[in-house]
Amino acid sequence: MVTFVAQITHTAQGYTLHARFFNQGVQVIEGSSPLVKPLILPIPDANLWSTEDPQLYDLVLAPFICQKAIDQVSSYFGTRKLSLSRDT
């Protein structure tokens, strides 16, 4: 699961953050959340990164206001560990 938390400097009424993950050019998941809340996305059947299999996911993040994208950033990431734990 990947969690995004946007740090904002002004009131974000009507703003949302939209994220899309890709694995070798194929979209595996997408989601959105108001900027004032964390965006939590599970990665289905996640391939963990290792030196033998350096799996990287592509990521596209875009903030929206009134259902219109106002910017976009692309990057990549790898996941080395997945775990489940009780919230404290």
N, C-alpha and C. Protein backbone atom coordinates (compact mmCIF):
# COMPACT_ATOMS: atom_id res chain seq x y z
N MET A 1 0.84 -1.16 0.00
CA MET A 1 0.00 0.00 0.00
C MET A 1 0.89 1.23 0.00
N VAL A 2 0.54 2.22 -0.76
CA VAL A 2 1.30 3.47 -0.83
C VAL A 2 0.40 4.59 -0.33
N THR A 3 0.93 5.45 0.53
CA THR A 3 0.17 6.57 1.07
C THR A 3 0.81 7.87 0.66
N PHE A 4 0.01 8.79 0.13
CA PHE A 4 0.47 10.13 -0.21
C PHE A 4 -0.19 11.12 0.73
N VAL A 5 0.59 12.02 1.28
CA VAL A 5 0.05 13.09 2.11
C VAL A 5 0.54 14.40 1.51
N ALA A 6 -0.38 15.23 1.06
CA ALA A 6 -0.02 16.51 0.46
C ALA A 6 0.13 17.55 1.56
N GLN A 7 1.21 18.31 1.51
CA GLN A 7 1.40 19.41 2.43
C GLN A 7 1.00 20.69 1.70
N ILE A 8 0.00 21.36 2.25
CA ILE A 8 -0.54 22.53 1.57
C ILE A 8 -0.29 23.78 2.41
N THR A 9 -0.22 24.91 1.72
CA THR A 9 0.06 26.17 2.41
C THR A 9 -1.15 27.09 2.47
N HIS A 10 -2.25 26.68 1.89
CA HIS A 10 -3.46 27.48 1.94
C HIS A 10 -4.67 26.55 1.96
N THR A 11 -5.83 27.10 2.15
CA THR A 11 -7.05 26.30 2.16
C THR A 11 -7.21 25.60 0.83
N ALA A 12 -7.46 24.33 0.88
CA ALA A 12 -7.53 23.52 -0.33
C ALA A 12 -8.95 23.08 -0.64
N GLN A 13 -9.91 23.91 -0.36
CA GLN A 13 -11.30 23.57 -0.63
C GLN A 13 -11.49 23.28 -2.12
N GLY A 14 -11.99 22.11 -2.44
CA GLY A 14 -12.23 21.75 -3.83
C GLY A 14 -11.04 21.15 -4.55
N TYR A 15 -9.88 21.05 -3.88
CA TYR A 15 -8.70 20.46 -4.48
C TYR A 15 -8.67 18.95 -4.20
N THR A 16 -8.25 18.19 -5.20
CA THR A 16 -8.04 16.76 -5.01
C THR A 16 -6.67 16.38 -5.59
N LEU A 17 -6.14 15.27 -5.10
CA LEU A 17 -4.91 14.72 -5.63
C LEU A 17 -5.25 13.42 -6.33
N HIS A 18 -4.82 13.29 -7.58
CA HIS A 18 -5.08 12.10 -8.38
C HIS A 18 -3.76 11.40 -8.64
N ALA A 19 -3.72 10.07 -8.45
CA ALA A 19 -2.50 9.30 -8.66
C ALA A 19 -2.79 8.12 -9.56
N ARG A 20 -1.81 7.81 -10.42
CA ARG A 20 -1.88 6.62 -11.28
C ARG A 20 -0.55 5.90 -11.20
N PHE A 21 -0.58 4.57 -11.03
CA PHE A 21 0.61 3.74 -11.00
C PHE A 21 0.63 2.88 -12.24
N PHE A 22 1.81 2.71 -12.81
CA PHE A 22 1.98 1.89 -14.00
C PHE A 22 3.08 0.86 -13.76
N ASN A 23 2.92 -0.32 -14.32
CA ASN A 23 3.93 -1.37 -14.29
C ASN A 23 4.23 -1.73 -15.74
N GLN A 24 5.42 -1.36 -16.20
CA GLN A 24 5.84 -1.60 -17.58
C GLN A 24 4.83 -1.04 -18.58
N GLY A 25 4.37 0.18 -18.32
CA GLY A 25 3.46 0.87 -19.23
C GLY A 25 1.99 0.54 -19.07
N VAL A 26 1.66 -0.42 -18.22
CA VAL A 26 0.27 -0.82 -18.01
C VAL A 26 -0.20 -0.26 -16.67
N GLN A 27 -1.30 0.49 -16.69
CA GLN A 27 -1.82 1.06 -15.45
C GLN A 27 -2.32 -0.05 -14.53
N VAL A 28 -1.83 -0.04 -13.27
CA VAL A 28 -2.25 -1.06 -12.32
C VAL A 28 -3.27 -0.55 -11.32
N ILE A 29 -3.26 0.74 -11.04
CA ILE A 29 -4.26 1.30 -10.13
C ILE A 29 -4.27 2.82 -10.27
N GLU A 30 -5.41 3.40 -9.93
CA GLU A 30 -5.50 4.86 -9.85
C GLU A 30 -6.49 5.21 -8.76
N GLY A 31 -6.37 6.42 -8.27
CA GLY A 31 -7.29 6.88 -7.23
C GLY A 31 -7.11 8.35 -6.98
N SER A 32 -8.04 8.90 -6.21
CA SER A 32 -7.94 10.31 -5.86
C SER A 32 -8.54 10.53 -4.48
N SER A 33 -8.17 11.66 -3.90
CA SER A 33 -8.62 12.01 -2.56
C SER A 33 -8.54 13.52 -2.40
N PRO A 34 -9.41 14.10 -1.56
CA PRO A 34 -9.25 15.53 -1.27
C PRO A 34 -7.85 15.78 -0.71
N LEU A 35 -7.27 16.93 -1.05
CA LEU A 35 -5.91 17.23 -0.59
C LEU A 35 -5.78 17.26 0.93
N VAL A 36 -6.89 17.48 1.62
CA VAL A 36 -6.81 17.56 3.08
C VAL A 36 -6.80 16.18 3.74
N LYS A 37 -6.89 15.09 2.94
CA LYS A 37 -6.86 13.73 3.47
C LYS A 37 -5.76 12.94 2.77
N PRO A 38 -5.16 11.96 3.46
CA PRO A 38 -4.16 11.11 2.80
C PRO A 38 -4.79 10.30 1.66
N LEU A 39 -4.04 10.10 0.61
CA LEU A 39 -4.45 9.24 -0.50
C LEU A 39 -3.76 7.90 -0.30
N ILE A 40 -4.54 6.86 -0.07
CA ILE A 40 -3.99 5.53 0.21
C ILE A 40 -4.40 4.60 -0.91
N LEU A 41 -3.41 4.01 -1.57
CA LEU A 41 -3.67 3.11 -2.68
C LEU A 41 -2.96 1.78 -2.48
N PRO A 42 -3.69 0.67 -2.53
CA PRO A 42 -3.04 -0.63 -2.48
C PRO A 42 -2.44 -0.95 -3.85
N ILE A 43 -1.32 -1.64 -3.87
CA ILE A 43 -0.72 -2.07 -5.12
C ILE A 43 -1.05 -3.55 -5.28
N PRO A 44 -1.94 -3.89 -6.20
CA PRO A 44 -2.32 -5.29 -6.36
C PRO A 44 -1.16 -6.13 -6.86
N ASP A 45 -0.95 -7.28 -6.24
CA ASP A 45 0.12 -8.21 -6.65
C ASP A 45 1.45 -7.49 -6.82
N ALA A 46 1.83 -6.72 -5.81
CA ALA A 46 3.05 -5.91 -5.89
C ALA A 46 4.29 -6.77 -6.12
N ASN A 47 5.12 -6.33 -7.04
CA ASN A 47 6.43 -6.94 -7.28
C ASN A 47 7.45 -6.16 -6.47
N LEU A 48 8.07 -6.82 -5.50
CA LEU A 48 9.03 -6.14 -4.65
C LEU A 48 10.35 -5.93 -5.37
N TRP A 49 10.98 -4.79 -5.09
CA TRP A 49 12.27 -4.46 -5.69
C TRP A 49 13.36 -5.27 -5.02
N SER A 50 14.28 -5.79 -5.81
CA SER A 50 15.48 -6.45 -5.28
C SER A 50 16.60 -6.24 -6.29
N THR A 51 17.82 -6.55 -5.89
CA THR A 51 18.93 -6.39 -6.82
C THR A 51 18.83 -7.40 -7.97
N GLU A 52 18.21 -8.55 -7.71
CA GLU A 52 18.03 -9.55 -8.76
C GLU A 52 16.89 -9.18 -9.72
N ASP A 53 15.88 -8.47 -9.20
CA ASP A 53 14.72 -8.07 -9.99
C ASP A 53 14.34 -6.64 -9.60
N PRO A 54 15.04 -5.65 -10.16
CA PRO A 54 14.82 -4.26 -9.75
C PRO A 54 13.53 -3.67 -10.32
N GLN A 55 12.41 -4.14 -9.81
CA GLN A 55 11.08 -3.72 -10.27
C GLN A 55 10.80 -2.28 -9.85
N LEU A 56 10.52 -1.43 -10.81
CA LEU A 56 10.14 -0.05 -10.53
C LEU A 56 8.76 0.23 -11.12
N TYR A 57 7.99 1.00 -10.41
CA TYR A 57 6.67 1.44 -10.88
C TYR A 57 6.77 2.89 -11.32
N ASP A 58 6.05 3.23 -12.37
CA ASP A 58 5.93 4.62 -12.78
C ASP A 58 4.74 5.22 -12.04
N LEU A 59 4.84 6.49 -11.76
CA LEU A 59 3.84 7.19 -10.97
C LEU A 59 3.54 8.53 -11.64
N VAL A 60 2.26 8.86 -11.73
CA VAL A 60 1.83 10.17 -12.22
C VAL A 60 0.92 10.76 -11.15
N LEU A 61 1.29 11.93 -10.62
CA LEU A 61 0.48 12.66 -9.64
C LEU A 61 -0.01 13.95 -10.26
N ALA A 62 -1.28 14.27 -10.00
CA ALA A 62 -1.84 15.51 -10.52
C ALA A 62 -2.82 16.11 -9.52
N PRO A 63 -2.60 17.36 -9.11
CA PRO A 63 -3.61 18.04 -8.30
C PRO A 63 -4.71 18.57 -9.22
N PHE A 64 -5.94 18.46 -8.75
CA PHE A 64 -7.10 18.94 -9.50
C PHE A 64 -7.83 19.98 -8.67
N ILE A 65 -8.44 20.95 -9.35
CA ILE A 65 -9.38 21.86 -8.72
C ILE A 65 -10.59 21.95 -9.65
N CYS A 66 -11.74 21.79 -9.06
CA CYS A 66 -13.00 21.79 -9.83
C CYS A 66 -12.92 20.81 -11.01
N GLN A 67 -12.37 19.63 -10.76
CA GLN A 67 -12.27 18.54 -11.73
C GLN A 67 -11.40 18.87 -12.94
N LYS A 68 -10.46 19.81 -12.77
CA LYS A 68 -9.53 20.16 -13.84
C LYS A 68 -8.10 20.07 -13.31
N ALA A 69 -7.24 19.33 -14.03
CA ALA A 69 -5.84 19.19 -13.62
C ALA A 69 -5.15 20.54 -13.72
N ILE A 70 -4.42 20.91 -12.66
CA ILE A 70 -3.71 22.19 -12.68
C ILE A 70 -2.20 22.00 -12.78
N ASP A 71 -1.73 20.77 -12.65
CA ASP A 71 -0.31 20.46 -12.76
C ASP A 71 -0.18 18.94 -12.85
N GLN A 72 1.02 18.47 -13.13
CA GLN A 72 1.26 17.03 -13.18
C GLN A 72 2.74 16.77 -12.99
N VAL A 73 3.06 15.73 -12.25
CA VAL A 73 4.45 15.33 -12.06
C VAL A 73 4.54 13.82 -12.24
N SER A 74 5.60 13.37 -12.88
CA SER A 74 5.83 11.94 -13.10
C SER A 74 7.13 11.55 -12.42
N SER A 75 7.15 10.35 -11.87
CA SER A 75 8.34 9.83 -11.23
C SER A 75 8.26 8.31 -11.23
N TYR A 76 9.13 7.67 -10.46
CA TYR A 76 9.11 6.23 -10.34
C TYR A 76 9.48 5.86 -8.91
N PHE A 77 9.14 4.64 -8.52
CA PHE A 77 9.47 4.17 -7.18
C PHE A 77 9.53 2.66 -7.16
N GLY A 78 10.20 2.13 -6.16
CA GLY A 78 10.26 0.69 -5.94
C GLY A 78 9.77 0.38 -4.54
N THR A 79 9.24 -0.81 -4.36
CA THR A 79 8.75 -1.24 -3.05
C THR A 79 9.60 -2.42 -2.60
N ARG A 80 10.21 -2.29 -1.43
CA ARG A 80 11.06 -3.37 -0.93
C ARG A 80 10.37 -4.20 0.14
N LYS A 81 9.41 -3.64 0.83
CA LYS A 81 8.79 -4.36 1.93
C LYS A 81 7.30 -4.05 1.97
N LEU A 82 6.52 -5.07 2.18
CA LEU A 82 5.10 -4.91 2.43
C LEU A 82 4.80 -5.55 3.77
N SER A 83 4.04 -4.87 4.62
CA SER A 83 3.70 -5.45 5.91
C SER A 83 2.34 -4.96 6.34
N LEU A 84 1.72 -5.71 7.22
CA LEU A 84 0.45 -5.35 7.81
C LEU A 84 0.67 -5.18 9.30
N SER A 85 0.06 -4.15 9.87
CA SER A 85 0.17 -3.96 11.31
C SER A 85 -1.07 -3.25 11.82
N ARG A 86 -1.28 -3.38 13.08
CA ARG A 86 -2.43 -2.74 13.71
C ARG A 86 -2.12 -1.26 13.90
N ASP A 87 -3.11 -0.39 13.63
CA ASP A 87 -2.94 1.03 13.92
C ASP A 87 -2.76 1.24 15.41
N THR A 88 -1.90 2.18 15.75
CA THR A 88 -1.68 2.45 17.18
C THR A 88 -2.22 3.80 17.56
